[in-house]
C-alpha atoms as a PDB file:
ATOM      1  CA  MET A   1    -103.439-133.210 186.728  1.00  0.00           C
ATOM      2  CA  ILE A   2     -99.934-134.449 186.015  1.00  0.00           C
ATOM      3  CA  SER A   3    -100.308-133.457 182.358  1.00  0.00           C
ATOM      4  CA  LYS A   4    -101.264-129.900 183.395  1.00  0.00           C
ATOM      5  CA  PHE A   5     -98.247-129.772 185.651  1.00  0.00           C
ATOM      6  CA  LEU A   6     -95.944-131.051 182.904  1.00  0.00           C
ATOM      7  CA  GLY A   7     -97.490-128.576 180.438  1.00  0.00           C
ATOM      8  CA  LYS A   8     -96.826-125.655 182.788  1.00  0.00           C
ATOM      9  CA  LEU A   9     -93.340-126.943 183.496  1.00  0.00           C
ATOM     10  CA  LYS A  10     -92.561-127.140 179.767  1.00  0.00           C
ATOM     11  CA  SER A  11     -93.903-123.640 179.155  1.00  0.00           C
ATOM     12  CA  ILE A  12     -91.807-122.254 181.995  1.00  0.00           C
ATOM     13  CA  LEU A  13     -88.672-124.070 180.845  1.00  0.00           C
ATOM     14  CA  PHE A  14     -89.047-123.055 177.213  1.00  0.00           C
ATOM     15  CA  LYS A  15     -89.907-119.444 178.052  1.00  0.00           C
ATOM     16  CA  SER A  16     -86.812-119.091 180.207  1.00  0.00           C
ATOM     17  CA  ALA A  17     -84.678-120.650 177.492  1.00  0.00           C
ATOM     18  CA  VAL A  18     -86.072-118.305 174.837  1.00  0.00           C
ATOM     19  CA  THR A  19     -85.884-115.142 176.918  1.00  0.00           C
ATOM     20  CA  PRO A  20     -82.061-114.864 177.100  1.00  0.00           C
ATOM     21  CA  GLU A  21     -81.733-115.417 173.356  1.00  0.00           C
ATOM     22  CA  THR A  22     -84.191-112.729 172.411  1.00  0.00           C
ATOM     23  CA  PRO A  23     -82.131-109.801 173.760  1.00  0.00           C
ATOM     24  CA  LEU A  24     -79.059-111.166 172.009  1.00  0.00           C
ATOM     25  CA  LYS A  25     -80.884-111.227 168.712  1.00  0.00           C
ATOM     26  CA  LYS A  26     -82.059-107.667 169.288  1.00  0.00           C
ATOM     27  CA  GLU A  27     -78.492-106.583 170.080  1.00  0.00           C
ATOM     28  CA  LYS A  28     -77.214-108.213 166.888  1.00  0.00           C
ATOM     29  CA  LYS A  29     -79.892-106.442 164.852  1.00  0.00           C
ATOM     30  CA  ALA A  30     -79.030-103.152 166.535  1.00  0.00           C
ATOM     31  CA  ALA A  31     -75.346-103.692 165.780  1.00  0.00           C
ATOM     32  CA  LYS A  32     -76.132-104.449 162.135  1.00  0.00           C
ATOM     33  CA  SER A  33     -78.293-101.344 161.796  1.00  0.00           C
ATOM     34  CA  ALA A  34     -75.545 -99.240 163.391  1.00  0.00           C
ATOM     35  CA  LYS A  35     -73.048-100.588 160.855  1.00  0.00           C
ATOM     36  CA  THR A  36     -75.447 -99.828 158.036  1.00  0.00           C
ATOM     37  CA  LYS A  37     -75.885 -96.251 159.280  1.00  0.00           C
ATOM     38  CA  THR A  38     -72.101 -95.818 159.467  1.00  0.00           C
ATOM     39  CA  LYS A  39     -71.675 -97.115 155.916  1.00  0.00           C
ATOM     40  CA  THR A  40     -74.399 -94.779 154.703  1.00  0.00           C
ATOM     41  CA  LYS A  41     -72.731 -91.790 156.372  1.00  0.00           C
ATOM     42  CA  THR A  42     -69.375 -92.745 154.859  1.00  0.00           C
ATOM     43  CA  LYS A  43     -70.915 -93.054 151.405  1.00  0.00           C
ATOM     44  CA  THR A  44     -72.609 -89.686 151.830  1.00  0.00           C
ATOM     45  CA  LYS A  45     -69.350 -88.046 152.891  1.00  0.00           C
ATOM     46  CA  THR A  46     -67.529 -89.616 149.969  1.00  0.00           C
ATOM     47  CA  LYS A  47     -70.188 -88.433 147.548  1.00  0.00           C
ATOM     48  CA  THR A  48     -70.070 -84.953 149.050  1.00  0.00           C
ATOM     49  CA  LYS A  49     -66.292 -84.796 148.674  1.00  0.00           C
ATOM     50  CA  ALA A  50     -66.549 -86.021 145.096  1.00  0.00           C
ATOM     51  CA  VAL A  51     -69.147 -83.384 144.285  1.00  0.00           C
ATOM     52  CA  LYS A  52     -67.058 -80.644 145.903  1.00  0.00           C
ATOM     53  CA  SER A  53     -63.925 -81.669 144.039  1.00  0.00           C
ATOM     54  CA  LYS A  54     -65.850 -81.806 140.769  1.00  0.00           C
ATOM     55  CA  ASN A  55     -67.264 -78.334 141.408  1.00  0.00           C
ATOM     56  CA  ASN A  56     -63.813 -76.982 142.259  1.00  0.00           C
ATOM     57  CA  ILE A  57     -62.343 -78.461 139.081  1.00  0.00           C
ATOM     58  CA  GLU A  58     -65.160 -76.897 137.035  1.00  0.00           C
ATOM     59  CA  THR A  59     -64.452 -73.564 138.719  1.00  0.00           C
ATOM     60  CA  LEU A  60     -60.784 -73.810 137.734  1.00  0.00           C
ATOM     61  CA  THR A  61     -61.804 -74.213 134.088  1.00  0.00           C
ATOM     62  CA  THR A  62     -63.180 -70.661 134.176  1.00  0.00           C
ATOM     63  CA  LEU A  63     -59.598 -69.392 134.160  1.00  0.00           C
ATOM     64  CA  PRO A  64     -58.362 -68.434 130.677  1.00  0.00           C
ATOM     65  CA  GLY A  65     -56.393 -71.227 129.020  1.00  0.00           C
ATOM     66  CA  VAL A  66     -57.323 -73.823 131.653  1.00  0.00           C
ATOM     67  CA  GLY A  67     -59.105 -76.864 130.284  1.00  0.00           C
ATOM     68  CA  ALA A  68     -60.457 -79.935 131.995  1.00  0.00           C
ATOM     69  CA  LYS A  69     -57.125 -81.789 132.096  1.00  0.00           C
ATOM     70  CA  SER A  70     -55.067 -78.892 133.382  1.00  0.00           C
ATOM     71  CA  ALA A  71     -57.796 -78.003 135.908  1.00  0.00           C
ATOM     72  CA  LYS A  72     -57.716 -81.551 137.263  1.00  0.00           C
ATOM     73  CA  ALA A  73     -53.915 -81.468 137.408  1.00  0.00           C
ATOM     74  CA  LEU A  74     -53.975 -78.148 139.272  1.00  0.00           C
ATOM     75  CA  TYR A  75     -56.600 -79.440 141.692  1.00  0.00           C
ATOM     76  CA  GLU A  76     -54.618 -82.596 142.413  1.00  0.00           C
ATOM     77  CA  ALA A  77     -51.480 -80.483 142.930  1.00  0.00           C
ATOM     78  CA  GLY A  78     -53.252 -78.616 145.734  1.00  0.00           C
ATOM     79  CA  PHE A  79     -54.605 -75.542 143.971  1.00  0.00           C
ATOM     80  CA  LYS A  80     -58.259 -75.793 145.008  1.00  0.00           C
ATOM     81  CA  THR A  81     -59.487 -72.317 144.068  1.00  0.00           C
ATOM     82  CA  THR A  82     -58.934 -69.822 141.298  1.00  0.00           C
ATOM     83  CA  LYS A  83     -57.442 -67.402 143.824  1.00  0.00           C
ATOM     84  CA  ALA A  84     -54.875 -70.009 144.834  1.00  0.00           C
ATOM     85  CA  VAL A  85     -53.862 -70.529 141.207  1.00  0.00           C
ATOM     86  CA  ILE A  86     -53.560 -66.803 140.510  1.00  0.00           C
ATOM     87  CA  ALA A  87     -51.586 -66.184 143.720  1.00  0.00           C
ATOM     88  CA  ALA A  88     -49.197 -69.107 143.159  1.00  0.00           C
ATOM     89  CA  ASP A  89     -45.576 -68.668 142.110  1.00  0.00           C
ATOM     90  CA  GLU A  90     -44.656 -69.403 138.514  1.00  0.00           C
ATOM     91  CA  LYS A  91     -42.284 -72.167 139.605  1.00  0.00           C
ATOM     92  CA  ASP A  92     -45.039 -73.937 141.521  1.00  0.00           C
ATOM     93  CA  LEU A  93     -47.402 -73.799 138.546  1.00  0.00           C
ATOM     94  CA  ILE A  94     -44.824 -75.039 136.063  1.00  0.00           C
ATOM     95  CA  ALA A  95     -44.049 -77.965 138.379  1.00  0.00           C
ATOM     96  CA  VAL A  96     -47.598 -79.261 137.826  1.00  0.00           C
ATOM     97  CA  SER A  97     -47.702 -81.772 134.993  1.00  0.00           C
ATOM     98  CA  GLY A  98     -50.009 -80.609 132.230  1.00  0.00           C
ATOM     99  CA  VAL A  99     -49.312 -76.932 132.868  1.00  0.00           C
ATOM    100  CA  GLY A 100     -46.972 -75.223 130.446  1.00  0.00           C
ATOM    101  CA  ILE A 101     -45.187 -71.897 130.302  1.00  0.00           C
ATOM    102  CA  ASN A 102     -47.842 -70.355 128.046  1.00  0.00           C
ATOM    103  CA  LEU A 103     -50.605 -71.183 130.513  1.00  0.00           C
ATOM    104  CA  VAL A 104     -48.560 -69.715 133.359  1.00  0.00           C
ATOM    105  CA  LYS A 105     -48.106 -66.488 131.361  1.00  0.00           C
ATOM    106  CA  LYS A 106     -51.873 -66.252 130.772  1.00  0.00           C
ATOM    107  CA  LEU A 107     -52.558 -66.790 134.460  1.00  0.00           C
ATOM    108  CA  LYS A 108     -50.009 -64.200 135.555  1.00  0.00           C
ATOM    109  CA  LYS A 109     -51.710 -61.575 133.382  1.00  0.00           C
ATOM    110  CA  LEU A 110     -54.742 -61.916 135.671  1.00  0.00           C
ATOM    111  CA  LYS A 111     -52.896 -60.435 138.661  1.00  0.00           C
END
């Protein structure tokens, strides 16, 4: 009889001690999964931006006289589209490193 009582007492004591810890563990797991989701979203956004910039640079290479290096230089200087390059002033284009006077003349013929 005493052993049954002690057994029940132990089960009650250990259950109450385990119960508060269980929600904490669940909260920690939830916090970790939320961090993982945030990292995944950030990686996806970064990949998307990288793909967009690569596509924009490839689009700039369609302009006559613009190669990969000058397209990258134009993109980094803020000229994201072919229309922006064509509409830009000659002074702004010459200011970009990797873009020379001959390239600017070719681009101005497109207007």
